[in-house]
Amino acid sequence: MRLAFFIFAISSLQSFSQDFENSESDILFLKIQELEQEIAELRNELETQAYLLEKLLNELKSIEDESVDDQVEEVVDENIFRFEGINDSQSIDEVYDSAIAALENDDLESAKKLLDYFLINFPDAERIPLVLFWLGEISFIDSDIDDSYLYFLELVSNHEAHWRAPQAHKRIGDIYLTKNDIDNAKAKYNFVLKNYPNNSVSSIVLQILENME
């Protein structure tokens, strides 16, 4: 009887041991599968990051090949342009005055490059509303209507109290009119009449509205 019990116990222990080993194998297999999946996901992420890094490097190289100094070196003396972070009043005045001089000479391309430079390097300057206005005007003249709209919209949205705001609102109306969006054009012109009745631009807007009737 004891012998039979002993044999049964041994058999049960072996069975339990085998089941335990099988269970461990199953767990190990599942962990290996999870690791393989994680490795695959990491590989995909690395490939994506490598692609984005390569794209960024190519863009940086393109920027280096066409630097701001190269773009404007024929417009003004290169001493005007300084490294980012140097925001002295002399630099601000020189860049802006050079842009206006280019405008007066009908050199719109050079003026735009200088104004773009100003906008990027002196974002907190007092003349930013004027820069936005002239960028909007140049874009409008060049038939870059969408860019023009964005410049004027930024001006009226962030610098409503500036003396160029009425002209910017009027120009937004002109842009709507150019796009044959008559309802929005009339709404914008009427906005100018209502909010800036004593501004000289209102007389121009009134004439436009009469011609639209």
N, C-alpha and C. Protein backbone atom coordinates (compact mmCIF):
# COMPACT_ATOMS: atom_id res chain seq x y z
N MET A 1 0.83 -1.20 0.00
CA MET A 1 0.00 0.00 0.00
C MET A 1 0.86 1.25 0.00
N ARG A 2 1.87 1.26 0.84
CA ARG A 2 2.77 2.40 0.91
C ARG A 2 3.53 2.55 -0.41
N LEU A 3 3.89 1.35 -0.97
CA LEU A 3 4.63 1.39 -2.24
C LEU A 3 3.77 2.02 -3.33
N ALA A 4 2.52 1.65 -3.37
CA ALA A 4 1.60 2.20 -4.38
C ALA A 4 1.43 3.71 -4.19
N PHE A 5 1.33 4.13 -2.95
CA PHE A 5 1.20 5.57 -2.67
C PHE A 5 2.46 6.33 -3.07
N PHE A 6 3.59 5.67 -2.79
CA PHE A 6 4.88 6.31 -3.13
C PHE A 6 5.00 6.47 -4.64
N ILE A 7 4.60 5.39 -5.36
CA ILE A 7 4.67 5.45 -6.83
C ILE A 7 3.72 6.53 -7.36
N PHE A 8 2.55 6.62 -6.76
CA PHE A 8 1.58 7.64 -7.19
C PHE A 8 2.10 9.05 -6.92
N ALA A 9 2.74 9.21 -5.77
CA ALA A 9 3.30 10.51 -5.40
C ALA A 9 4.39 10.92 -6.36
N ILE A 10 5.25 9.94 -6.69
CA ILE A 10 6.35 10.23 -7.64
C ILE A 10 5.77 10.63 -8.99
N SER A 11 4.76 9.88 -9.41
CA SER A 11 4.13 10.13 -10.71
C SER A 11 3.47 11.52 -10.73
N SER A 12 2.80 11.87 -9.64
CA SER A 12 2.15 13.17 -9.55
C SER A 12 3.16 14.30 -9.55
N LEU A 13 4.29 14.06 -8.86
CA LEU A 13 5.34 15.08 -8.79
C LEU A 13 5.95 15.31 -10.17
N GLN A 14 6.17 14.20 -10.89
CA GLN A 14 6.72 14.32 -12.24
C GLN A 14 5.75 15.07 -13.16
N SER A 15 4.45 14.73 -13.02
CA SER A 15 3.44 15.39 -13.83
C SER A 15 3.37 16.89 -13.53
N PHE A 16 3.43 17.19 -12.21
CA PHE A 16 3.41 18.60 -11.81
C PHE A 16 4.64 19.34 -12.33
N SER A 17 5.76 18.65 -12.25
CA SER A 17 7.01 19.25 -12.73
C SER A 17 6.95 19.52 -14.22
N GLN A 18 6.38 18.56 -14.95
CA GLN A 18 6.26 18.72 -16.40
C GLN A 18 5.30 19.86 -16.74
N ASP A 19 4.15 19.90 -16.00
CA ASP A 19 3.19 20.98 -16.23
C ASP A 19 3.81 22.33 -15.92
N PHE A 20 4.62 22.38 -14.85
CA PHE A 20 5.29 23.62 -14.46
C PHE A 20 6.27 24.07 -15.54
N GLU A 21 7.00 23.07 -16.06
CA GLU A 21 7.96 23.39 -17.12
C GLU A 21 7.23 23.89 -18.37
N ASN A 22 6.10 23.22 -18.68
CA ASN A 22 5.32 23.65 -19.85
C ASN A 22 4.78 25.07 -19.66
N SER A 23 4.33 25.35 -18.43
CA SER A 23 3.80 26.68 -18.13
C SER A 23 4.88 27.73 -18.26
N GLU A 24 6.09 27.39 -17.73
CA GLU A 24 7.21 28.32 -17.84
C GLU A 24 7.56 28.56 -19.30
N SER A 25 7.50 27.49 -20.11
CA SER A 25 7.81 27.62 -21.54
C SER A 25 6.81 28.53 -22.23
N ASP A 26 5.52 28.35 -21.86
CA ASP A 26 4.48 29.19 -22.45
C ASP A 26 4.70 30.67 -22.11
N ILE A 27 5.01 30.93 -20.85
CA ILE A 27 5.25 32.31 -20.40
C ILE A 27 6.45 32.90 -21.11
N LEU A 28 7.52 32.08 -21.21
CA LEU A 28 8.73 32.53 -21.90
C LEU A 28 8.45 32.83 -23.37
N PHE A 29 7.63 31.99 -23.99
CA PHE A 29 7.29 32.18 -25.40
C PHE A 29 6.51 33.48 -25.59
N LEU A 30 5.56 33.73 -24.66
CA LEU A 30 4.77 34.96 -24.75
C LEU A 30 5.65 36.19 -24.56
N LYS A 31 6.61 36.09 -23.62
CA LYS A 31 7.52 37.23 -23.39
C LYS A 31 8.38 37.48 -24.62
N ILE A 32 8.82 36.39 -25.25
CA ILE A 32 9.63 36.54 -26.46
C ILE A 32 8.81 37.21 -27.56
N GLN A 33 7.53 36.80 -27.68
CA GLN A 33 6.66 37.43 -28.67
C GLN A 33 6.48 38.92 -28.39
N GLU A 34 6.29 39.27 -27.10
CA GLU A 34 6.12 40.67 -26.73
C GLU A 34 7.39 41.46 -27.06
N LEU A 35 8.54 40.85 -26.75
CA LEU A 35 9.81 41.54 -27.05
C LEU A 35 10.01 41.72 -28.54
N GLU A 36 9.65 40.71 -29.33
CA GLU A 36 9.77 40.83 -30.78
C GLU A 36 8.89 41.94 -31.31
N GLN A 37 7.66 42.06 -30.74
CA GLN A 37 6.75 43.12 -31.16
C GLN A 37 7.29 44.49 -30.79
N GLU A 38 7.85 44.60 -29.55
CA GLU A 38 8.42 45.86 -29.13
C GLU A 38 9.62 46.24 -30.00
N ILE A 39 10.44 45.24 -30.35
CA ILE A 39 11.59 45.50 -31.21
C ILE A 39 11.14 45.99 -32.58
N ALA A 40 10.08 45.39 -33.10
CA ALA A 40 9.55 45.81 -34.40
C ALA A 40 9.04 47.25 -34.33
N GLU A 41 8.34 47.58 -33.24
CA GLU A 41 7.82 48.95 -33.09
C GLU A 41 8.95 49.95 -32.97
N LEU A 42 9.99 49.57 -32.19
CA LEU A 42 11.14 50.45 -32.04
C LEU A 42 11.87 50.64 -33.36
N ARG A 43 11.96 49.56 -34.15
CA ARG A 43 12.62 49.66 -35.46
C ARG A 43 11.86 50.62 -36.37
N ASN A 44 10.53 50.51 -36.35
CA ASN A 44 9.72 51.41 -37.17
C ASN A 44 9.88 52.86 -36.73
N GLU A 45 9.93 53.05 -35.40
CA GLU A 45 10.09 54.41 -34.87
C GLU A 45 11.45 54.98 -35.24
N LEU A 46 12.49 54.13 -35.14
CA LEU A 46 13.83 54.57 -35.51
C LEU A 46 13.91 54.94 -36.99
N GLU A 47 13.26 54.13 -37.84
CA GLU A 47 13.25 54.42 -39.26
C GLU A 47 12.54 55.74 -39.54
N THR A 48 11.43 55.98 -38.83
CA THR A 48 10.70 57.23 -39.00
C THR A 48 11.54 58.42 -38.56
N GLN A 49 12.19 58.27 -37.38
CA GLN A 49 13.03 59.35 -36.88
C GLN A 49 14.22 59.61 -37.80
N ALA A 50 14.77 58.53 -38.36
CA ALA A 50 15.89 58.68 -39.29
C ALA A 50 15.46 59.45 -40.52
N TYR A 51 14.25 59.15 -41.01
CA TYR A 51 13.73 59.85 -42.19
C TYR A 51 13.52 61.34 -41.88
N LEU A 52 12.92 61.63 -40.70
CA LEU A 52 12.69 63.02 -40.33
C LEU A 52 13.99 63.77 -40.12
N LEU A 53 14.98 63.09 -39.53
CA LEU A 53 16.28 63.71 -39.32
C LEU A 53 16.95 64.03 -40.64
N GLU A 54 16.88 63.09 -41.58
CA GLU A 54 17.47 63.33 -42.89
C GLU A 54 16.79 64.50 -43.59
N LYS A 55 15.45 64.56 -43.46
CA LYS A 55 14.70 65.65 -44.07
C LYS A 55 15.09 66.99 -43.45
N LEU A 56 15.25 67.01 -42.12
CA LEU A 56 15.64 68.23 -41.43
C LEU A 56 17.03 68.68 -41.85
N LEU A 57 17.95 67.73 -41.96
CA LEU A 57 19.32 68.07 -42.37
C LEU A 57 19.33 68.64 -43.79
N ASN A 58 18.52 68.07 -44.66
CA ASN A 58 18.44 68.59 -46.03
C ASN A 58 17.89 70.01 -46.05
N GLU A 59 16.89 70.26 -45.18
CA GLU A 59 16.32 71.61 -45.12
C GLU A 59 17.33 72.60 -44.57
N LEU A 60 18.08 72.17 -43.54
CA LEU A 60 19.11 73.04 -42.98
C LEU A 60 20.18 73.35 -44.01
N LYS A 61 20.54 72.34 -44.79
CA LYS A 61 21.54 72.55 -45.83
C LYS A 61 21.03 73.54 -46.86
N SER A 62 19.74 73.42 -47.19
CA SER A 62 19.14 74.33 -48.16
C SER A 62 19.16 75.75 -47.63
N ILE A 63 18.88 75.90 -46.32
CA ILE A 63 18.91 77.23 -45.71
C ILE A 63 20.31 77.80 -45.72
N GLU A 64 21.30 76.96 -45.43
CA GLU A 64 22.68 77.41 -45.44
C GLU A 64 23.09 77.86 -46.83
N ASP A 65 22.59 77.15 -47.85
CA ASP A 65 22.96 77.49 -49.22
C ASP A 65 22.38 78.82 -49.65
N GLU A 66 21.27 79.22 -49.03
CA GLU A 66 20.63 80.48 -49.38
C GLU A 66 20.38 81.27 -48.12
N SER A 67 21.44 81.78 -47.51
CA SER A 67 21.35 82.48 -46.23
C SER A 67 20.76 83.86 -46.43
N VAL A 68 20.36 84.46 -45.32
CA VAL A 68 19.79 85.80 -45.38
C VAL A 68 20.79 86.80 -45.93
N ASP A 69 22.06 86.65 -45.54
CA ASP A 69 23.07 87.58 -46.04
C ASP A 69 23.22 87.49 -47.54
N ASP A 70 23.13 86.27 -48.08
CA ASP A 70 23.23 86.09 -49.53
C ASP A 70 22.04 86.74 -50.23
N GLN A 71 20.89 86.68 -49.60
CA GLN A 71 19.68 87.22 -50.22
C GLN A 71 19.70 88.74 -50.29
N VAL A 72 20.30 89.38 -49.31
CA VAL A 72 20.18 90.83 -49.22
C VAL A 72 21.49 91.57 -49.37
N GLU A 73 22.57 90.88 -49.68
CA GLU A 73 23.87 91.53 -49.70
C GLU A 73 23.95 92.64 -50.74
N GLU A 74 23.10 92.55 -51.80
CA GLU A 74 23.12 93.57 -52.83
C GLU A 74 22.16 94.71 -52.52
N VAL A 75 21.41 94.60 -51.44
CA VAL A 75 20.42 95.61 -51.11
C VAL A 75 21.02 96.69 -50.21
N VAL A 76 21.65 96.24 -49.12
CA VAL A 76 22.24 97.17 -48.17
C VAL A 76 23.56 96.63 -47.70
N ASP A 77 24.31 97.47 -47.02
CA ASP A 77 25.60 97.04 -46.48
C ASP A 77 25.40 95.92 -45.50
N GLU A 78 26.23 94.88 -45.58
CA GLU A 78 26.03 93.70 -44.74
C GLU A 78 26.23 94.00 -43.27
N ASN A 79 26.81 95.13 -42.92
CA ASN A 79 26.97 95.48 -41.51
C ASN A 79 25.63 95.73 -40.83
N ILE A 80 24.59 95.96 -41.63
CA ILE A 80 23.26 96.15 -41.06
C ILE A 80 22.80 94.89 -40.36
N PHE A 81 23.12 93.74 -40.93
CA PHE A 81 22.58 92.48 -40.44
C PHE A 81 23.45 91.91 -39.33
N ARG A 82 22.79 91.51 -38.28
CA ARG A 82 23.49 91.04 -37.11
C ARG A 82 22.93 89.68 -36.71
N PHE A 83 23.68 89.01 -35.82
CA PHE A 83 23.22 87.70 -35.37
C PHE A 83 21.95 87.85 -34.54
N GLU A 84 21.14 86.81 -34.58
CA GLU A 84 19.89 86.80 -33.82
C GLU A 84 20.18 87.03 -32.35
N GLY A 85 19.41 87.88 -31.73
CA GLY A 85 19.61 88.18 -30.32
C GLY A 85 20.14 89.58 -30.12
N ILE A 86 20.81 90.14 -31.14
CA ILE A 86 21.25 91.52 -31.06
C ILE A 86 20.13 92.38 -31.62
N ASN A 87 19.43 93.06 -30.73
CA ASN A 87 18.20 93.76 -31.10
C ASN A 87 18.34 95.25 -30.78
N ASP A 88 19.45 95.84 -31.23
CA ASP A 88 19.68 97.24 -30.90
C ASP A 88 18.90 98.14 -31.86
N SER A 89 18.65 99.37 -31.41
CA SER A 89 17.81 100.28 -32.19
C SER A 89 18.46 100.66 -33.51
N GLN A 90 19.79 100.70 -33.56
CA GLN A 90 20.46 101.05 -34.81
C GLN A 90 20.18 100.02 -35.89
N SER A 91 20.26 98.74 -35.53
CA SER A 91 19.97 97.67 -36.50
C SER A 91 18.53 97.77 -36.98
N ILE A 92 17.61 97.99 -36.06
CA ILE A 92 16.19 98.08 -36.41
C ILE A 92 15.95 99.22 -37.39
N ASP A 93 16.50 100.38 -37.06
CA ASP A 93 16.31 101.55 -37.93
C ASP A 93 16.93 101.34 -39.30
N GLU A 94 18.12 100.76 -39.33
CA GLU A 94 18.82 100.58 -40.60
C GLU A 94 18.08 99.62 -41.53
N VAL A 95 17.61 98.51 -40.97
CA VAL A 95 16.89 97.53 -41.79
C VAL A 95 15.59 98.13 -42.31
N TYR A 96 14.83 98.78 -41.43
CA TYR A 96 13.55 99.34 -41.85
C TYR A 96 13.75 100.45 -42.88
N ASP A 97 14.69 101.36 -42.61
CA ASP A 97 14.93 102.47 -43.54
C ASP A 97 15.40 101.95 -44.90
N SER A 98 16.20 100.89 -44.90
CA SER A 98 16.64 100.31 -46.17
C SER A 98 15.46 99.71 -46.93
N ALA A 99 14.54 99.10 -46.20
CA ALA A 99 13.35 98.53 -46.84
C ALA A 99 12.50 99.62 -47.47
N ILE A 100 12.31 100.72 -46.75
CA ILE A 100 11.50 101.83 -47.27
C ILE A 100 12.19 102.46 -48.48
N ALA A 101 13.52 102.56 -48.42
CA ALA A 101 14.27 103.10 -49.56
C ALA A 101 14.08 102.22 -50.79
N ALA A 102 14.09 100.91 -50.58
CA ALA A 102 13.86 99.98 -51.69
C ALA A 102 12.45 100.15 -52.25
N LEU A 103 11.48 100.37 -51.36
CA LEU A 103 10.10 100.61 -51.82
C LEU A 103 10.01 101.87 -52.66
N GLU A 104 10.67 102.92 -52.21
CA GLU A 104 10.63 104.19 -52.94
C GLU A 104 11.28 104.07 -54.32
N ASN A 105 12.20 103.11 -54.44
CA ASN A 105 12.87 102.86 -55.73
C ASN A 105 12.15 101.79 -56.55
N ASP A 106 10.94 101.41 -56.09
CA ASP A 106 10.14 100.38 -56.77
C ASP A 106 10.85 99.04 -56.84
N ASP A 107 11.75 98.79 -55.90
CA ASP A 107 12.45 97.50 -55.83
C ASP A 107 11.70 96.64 -54.81
N LEU A 108 10.57 96.10 -55.24
CA LEU A 108 9.70 95.38 -54.31
C LEU A 108 10.34 94.10 -53.79
N GLU A 109 11.12 93.44 -54.64
CA GLU A 109 11.75 92.18 -54.22
C GLU A 109 12.72 92.41 -53.06
N SER A 110 13.57 93.42 -53.19
CA SER A 110 14.53 93.72 -52.13
C SER A 110 13.82 94.21 -50.88
N ALA A 111 12.79 95.03 -51.06
CA ALA A 111 12.03 95.53 -49.92
C ALA A 111 11.40 94.38 -49.14
N LYS A 112 10.83 93.43 -49.85
CA LYS A 112 10.19 92.30 -49.18
C LYS A 112 11.20 91.47 -48.40
N LYS A 113 12.39 91.26 -48.97
CA LYS A 113 13.41 90.48 -48.27
C LYS A 113 13.82 91.17 -46.98
N LEU A 114 13.98 92.48 -47.04
CA LEU A 114 14.36 93.24 -45.86
C LEU A 114 13.25 93.24 -44.81
N LEU A 115 12.01 93.40 -45.25
CA LEU A 115 10.89 93.40 -44.32
C LEU A 115 10.69 92.02 -43.69
N ASP A 116 10.88 90.98 -44.48
CA ASP A 116 10.81 89.62 -43.93
C ASP A 116 11.89 89.43 -42.87
N TYR A 117 13.08 89.91 -43.16
CA TYR A 117 14.18 89.81 -42.20
C TYR A 117 13.82 90.55 -40.91
N PHE A 118 13.26 91.74 -41.07
CA PHE A 118 12.85 92.54 -39.91
C PHE A 118 11.84 91.77 -39.08
N LEU A 119 10.84 91.21 -39.74
CA LEU A 119 9.76 90.51 -39.05
C LEU A 119 10.28 89.33 -38.25
N ILE A 120 11.27 88.63 -38.79
CA ILE A 120 11.81 87.44 -38.12
C ILE A 120 12.74 87.82 -36.98
N ASN A 121 13.57 88.84 -37.18
CA ASN A 121 14.62 89.15 -36.21
C ASN A 121 14.22 90.17 -35.16
N PHE A 122 13.20 90.99 -35.44
CA PHE A 122 12.78 92.01 -34.48
C PHE A 122 11.28 91.92 -34.24
N PRO A 123 10.78 90.79 -33.76
CA PRO A 123 9.32 90.57 -33.66
C PRO A 123 8.63 91.49 -32.65
N ASP A 124 9.39 92.07 -31.72
CA ASP A 124 8.78 92.91 -30.70
C ASP A 124 9.01 94.40 -30.97
N ALA A 125 9.55 94.72 -32.13
CA ALA A 125 9.85 96.11 -32.44
C ALA A 125 8.58 96.92 -32.61
N GLU A 126 8.71 98.22 -32.34
CA GLU A 126 7.56 99.12 -32.42
C GLU A 126 7.04 99.23 -33.85
N ARG A 127 7.90 99.01 -34.83
CA ARG A 127 7.53 99.19 -36.23
C ARG A 127 6.91 97.94 -36.87
N ILE A 128 6.69 96.90 -36.08
CA ILE A 128 6.12 95.67 -36.63
C ILE A 128 4.79 95.92 -37.36
N PRO A 129 3.86 96.75 -36.84
CA PRO A 129 2.63 97.00 -37.60
C PRO A 129 2.90 97.60 -38.99
N LEU A 130 3.90 98.49 -39.08
CA LEU A 130 4.25 99.06 -40.38
C LEU A 130 4.85 98.01 -41.29
N VAL A 131 5.67 97.13 -40.72
CA VAL A 131 6.27 96.05 -41.50
C VAL A 131 5.18 95.14 -42.06
N LEU A 132 4.21 94.79 -41.22
CA LEU A 132 3.10 93.95 -41.67
C LEU A 132 2.31 94.65 -42.77
N PHE A 133 2.10 95.95 -42.60
CA PHE A 133 1.34 96.70 -43.60
C PHE A 133 2.05 96.68 -44.95
N TRP A 134 3.35 96.96 -44.96
CA TRP A 134 4.06 97.01 -46.23
C TRP A 134 4.23 95.63 -46.85
N LEU A 135 4.38 94.61 -46.02
CA LEU A 135 4.42 93.25 -46.56
C LEU A 135 3.09 92.89 -47.20
N GLY A 136 2.00 93.33 -46.56
CA GLY A 136 0.68 93.09 -47.14
C GLY A 136 0.50 93.83 -48.46
N GLU A 137 0.98 95.07 -48.51
CA GLU A 137 0.87 95.86 -49.74
C GLU A 137 1.69 95.24 -50.87
N ILE A 138 2.92 94.84 -50.56
CA ILE A 138 3.78 94.24 -51.59
C ILE A 138 3.16 92.95 -52.11
N SER A 139 2.66 92.14 -51.21
CA SER A 139 2.04 90.88 -51.62
C SER A 139 0.80 91.14 -52.47
N PHE A 140 0.03 92.16 -52.11
CA PHE A 140 -1.16 92.49 -52.89
C PHE A 140 -0.78 92.94 -54.30
N ILE A 141 0.25 93.76 -54.40
CA ILE A 141 0.72 94.24 -55.71
C ILE A 141 1.22 93.07 -56.55
N ASP A 142 1.88 92.12 -55.89
CA ASP A 142 2.42 90.95 -56.59
C ASP A 142 1.37 89.87 -56.83
N SER A 143 0.12 90.17 -56.49
CA SER A 143 -1.00 89.23 -56.66
C SER A 143 -0.89 87.99 -55.76
N ASP A 144 -0.10 88.10 -54.68
CA ASP A 144 -0.06 87.04 -53.67
C ASP A 144 -1.17 87.34 -52.66
N ILE A 145 -2.39 87.13 -53.10
CA ILE A 145 -3.57 87.58 -52.34
C ILE A 145 -3.68 86.91 -50.98
N ASP A 146 -3.41 85.61 -50.94
CA ASP A 146 -3.53 84.89 -49.67
C ASP A 146 -2.52 85.40 -48.65
N ASP A 147 -1.27 85.60 -49.09
CA ASP A 147 -0.25 86.14 -48.18
C ASP A 147 -0.62 87.55 -47.73
N SER A 148 -1.09 88.33 -48.67
CA SER A 148 -1.49 89.70 -48.34
C SER A 148 -2.58 89.69 -47.27
N TYR A 149 -3.56 88.84 -47.44
CA TYR A 149 -4.66 88.73 -46.46
C TYR A 149 -4.13 88.41 -45.07
N LEU A 150 -3.17 87.48 -44.99
CA LEU A 150 -2.63 87.07 -43.70
C LEU A 150 -1.86 88.20 -43.01
N TYR A 151 -1.10 88.96 -43.79
CA TYR A 151 -0.36 90.09 -43.21
C TYR A 151 -1.32 91.14 -42.65
N PHE A 152 -2.32 91.51 -43.44
CA PHE A 152 -3.28 92.52 -42.99
C PHE A 152 -4.12 92.01 -41.82
N LEU A 153 -4.47 90.74 -41.86
CA LEU A 153 -5.26 90.17 -40.77
C LEU A 153 -4.47 90.19 -39.46
N GLU A 154 -3.18 89.87 -39.53
CA GLU A 154 -2.34 89.92 -38.32
C GLU A 154 -2.25 91.35 -37.80
N LEU A 155 -2.16 92.30 -38.71
CA LEU A 155 -2.06 93.70 -38.29
C LEU A 155 -3.32 94.13 -37.54
N VAL A 156 -4.50 93.89 -38.12
CA VAL A 156 -5.73 94.36 -37.47
C VAL A 156 -6.07 93.53 -36.24
N SER A 157 -5.59 92.29 -36.19
CA SER A 157 -5.89 91.43 -35.03
C SER A 157 -5.03 91.79 -33.83
N ASN A 158 -3.76 92.13 -34.07
CA ASN A 158 -2.83 92.35 -32.97
C ASN A 158 -2.48 93.81 -32.74
N HIS A 159 -2.84 94.68 -33.69
CA HIS A 159 -2.46 96.10 -33.57
C HIS A 159 -3.62 96.99 -34.02
N GLU A 160 -4.79 96.73 -33.49
CA GLU A 160 -6.01 97.43 -33.91
C GLU A 160 -5.92 98.93 -33.69
N ALA A 161 -5.15 99.35 -32.68
CA ALA A 161 -5.07 100.78 -32.37
C ALA A 161 -4.07 101.52 -33.25
N HIS A 162 -3.31 100.79 -34.06
CA HIS A 162 -2.30 101.44 -34.89
C HIS A 162 -2.96 102.28 -35.99
N TRP A 163 -2.27 103.36 -36.38
CA TRP A 163 -2.88 104.27 -37.36
C TRP A 163 -3.00 103.65 -38.75
N ARG A 164 -2.31 102.52 -38.99
CA ARG A 164 -2.44 101.84 -40.27
C ARG A 164 -3.60 100.83 -40.29
N ALA A 165 -4.24 100.63 -39.16
CA ALA A 165 -5.33 99.65 -39.08
C ALA A 165 -6.48 99.95 -40.05
N PRO A 166 -6.94 101.22 -40.16
CA PRO A 166 -8.04 101.49 -41.11
C PRO A 166 -7.69 101.10 -42.54
N GLN A 167 -6.45 101.43 -42.98
CA GLN A 167 -6.04 101.06 -44.34
C GLN A 167 -5.96 99.55 -44.50
N ALA A 168 -5.55 98.87 -43.42
CA ALA A 168 -5.46 97.40 -43.47
C ALA A 168 -6.85 96.78 -43.60
N HIS A 169 -7.82 97.31 -42.85
CA HIS A 169 -9.20 96.82 -42.97
C HIS A 169 -9.73 97.06 -44.38
N LYS A 170 -9.45 98.24 -44.93
CA LYS A 170 -9.90 98.56 -46.27
C LYS A 170 -9.28 97.60 -47.29
N ARG A 171 -7.99 97.28 -47.09
CA ARG A 171 -7.32 96.39 -48.02
C ARG A 171 -7.87 94.98 -47.93
N ILE A 172 -8.28 94.55 -46.75
CA ILE A 172 -8.92 93.25 -46.62
C ILE A 172 -10.21 93.23 -47.44
N GLY A 173 -10.94 94.35 -47.41
CA GLY A 173 -12.12 94.47 -48.26
C GLY A 173 -11.76 94.35 -49.73
N ASP A 174 -10.65 94.99 -50.12
CA ASP A 174 -10.18 94.90 -51.50
C ASP A 174 -9.87 93.46 -51.89
N ILE A 175 -9.30 92.73 -50.95
CA ILE A 175 -8.95 91.32 -51.21
C ILE A 175 -10.21 90.50 -51.43
N TYR A 176 -11.23 90.73 -50.58
CA TYR A 176 -12.51 90.04 -50.79
C TYR A 176 -13.09 90.39 -52.16
N LEU A 177 -12.98 91.66 -52.53
CA LEU A 177 -13.51 92.09 -53.81
C LEU A 177 -12.76 91.43 -54.97
N THR A 178 -11.45 91.30 -54.81
CA THR A 178 -10.63 90.64 -55.83
C THR A 178 -11.05 89.19 -56.02
N LYS A 179 -11.46 88.58 -54.91
CA LYS A 179 -11.90 87.18 -54.96
C LYS A 179 -13.38 87.06 -55.34
N ASN A 180 -13.97 88.21 -55.66
CA ASN A 180 -15.39 88.25 -56.04
C ASN A 180 -16.31 87.82 -54.89
N ASP A 181 -15.82 88.01 -53.67
CA ASP A 181 -16.63 87.74 -52.47
C ASP A 181 -17.31 89.06 -52.08
N ILE A 182 -18.37 89.38 -52.81
CA ILE A 182 -18.99 90.69 -52.70
C ILE A 182 -19.56 90.96 -51.31
N ASP A 183 -20.20 89.97 -50.72
CA ASP A 183 -20.83 90.18 -49.41
C ASP A 183 -19.80 90.54 -48.34
N ASN A 184 -18.71 89.78 -48.29
CA ASN A 184 -17.68 90.07 -47.30
C ASN A 184 -16.97 91.38 -47.60
N ALA A 185 -16.81 91.70 -48.88
CA ALA A 185 -16.19 92.97 -49.25
C ALA A 185 -17.04 94.14 -48.74
N LYS A 186 -18.34 94.08 -48.99
CA LYS A 186 -19.23 95.15 -48.53
C LYS A 186 -19.23 95.24 -47.00
N ALA A 187 -19.23 94.09 -46.35
CA ALA A 187 -19.23 94.07 -44.88
C ALA A 187 -17.98 94.74 -44.33
N LYS A 188 -16.85 94.46 -44.96
CA LYS A 188 -15.60 95.04 -44.48
C LYS A 188 -15.55 96.54 -44.76
N TYR A 189 -16.01 96.96 -45.93
CA TYR A 189 -16.04 98.39 -46.24
C TYR A 189 -16.96 99.14 -45.28
N ASN A 190 -18.10 98.56 -44.99
CA ASN A 190 -19.03 99.20 -44.04
C ASN A 190 -18.44 99.24 -42.64
N PHE A 191 -17.64 98.23 -42.30
CA PHE A 191 -16.95 98.22 -41.01
C PHE A 191 -16.02 99.43 -40.93
N VAL A 192 -15.31 99.71 -42.01
CA VAL A 192 -14.40 100.85 -42.03
C VAL A 192 -15.18 102.15 -41.85
N LEU A 193 -16.29 102.29 -42.59
CA LEU A 193 -17.11 103.50 -42.48
C LEU A 193 -17.63 103.71 -41.06
N LYS A 194 -18.04 102.63 -40.43
CA LYS A 194 -18.63 102.72 -39.09
C LYS A 194 -17.58 103.02 -38.02
N ASN A 195 -16.42 102.38 -38.13
CA ASN A 195 -15.43 102.48 -37.06
C ASN A 195 -14.38 103.57 -37.27
N TYR A 196 -14.24 104.03 -38.52
CA TYR A 196 -13.25 105.08 -38.79
C TYR A 196 -13.88 106.17 -39.67
N PRO A 197 -14.97 106.77 -39.22
CA PRO A 197 -15.70 107.72 -40.06
C PRO A 197 -14.89 108.97 -40.41
N ASN A 198 -13.94 109.34 -39.56
CA ASN A 198 -13.15 110.55 -39.79
C ASN A 198 -11.81 110.28 -40.45
N ASN A 199 -11.56 109.03 -40.78
CA ASN A 199 -10.30 108.69 -41.44
C ASN A 199 -10.43 108.92 -42.94
N SER A 200 -9.36 109.35 -43.56
CA SER A 200 -9.40 109.65 -45.00
C SER A 200 -9.75 108.43 -45.83
N VAL A 201 -9.45 107.24 -45.31
CA VAL A 201 -9.73 106.04 -46.08
C VAL A 201 -11.24 105.80 -46.22
N SER A 202 -12.03 106.38 -45.32
CA SER A 202 -13.47 106.19 -45.37
C SER A 202 -14.09 106.79 -46.63
N SER A 203 -13.54 107.92 -47.09
CA SER A 203 -14.06 108.53 -48.31
C SER A 203 -13.81 107.64 -49.52
N ILE A 204 -12.67 106.95 -49.52
CA ILE A 204 -12.35 106.02 -50.61
C ILE A 204 -13.31 104.83 -50.56
N VAL A 205 -13.53 104.32 -49.35
CA VAL A 205 -14.43 103.17 -49.17
C VAL A 205 -15.85 103.53 -49.60
N LEU A 206 -16.29 104.74 -49.25
CA LEU A 206 -17.64 105.17 -49.62
C LEU A 206 -17.80 105.21 -51.14
N GLN A 207 -16.78 105.68 -51.83
CA GLN A 207 -16.83 105.72 -53.29
C GLN A 207 -16.89 104.32 -53.87
N ILE A 208 -16.14 103.39 -53.28
CA ILE A 208 -16.16 102.01 -53.75
C ILE A 208 -17.53 101.40 -53.57
N LEU A 209 -18.15 101.65 -52.41
CA LEU A 209 -19.47 101.10 -52.14
C LEU A 209 -20.51 101.67 -53.13
N GLU A 210 -20.39 102.94 -53.44
CA GLU A 210 -21.33 103.54 -54.40
C GLU A 210 -21.15 102.93 -55.78
N ASN A 211 -19.92 102.63 -56.15
CA ASN A 211 -19.66 102.01 -57.45
C ASN A 211 -20.14 100.57 -57.51
N MET A 212 -20.28 99.94 -56.34
CA MET A 212 -20.73 98.55 -56.30
C MET A 212 -22.25 98.44 -56.41
N GLU A 213 -22.94 99.55 -56.24
CA GLU A 213 -24.42 99.52 -56.28
C GLU A 213 -24.91 99.37 -57.72
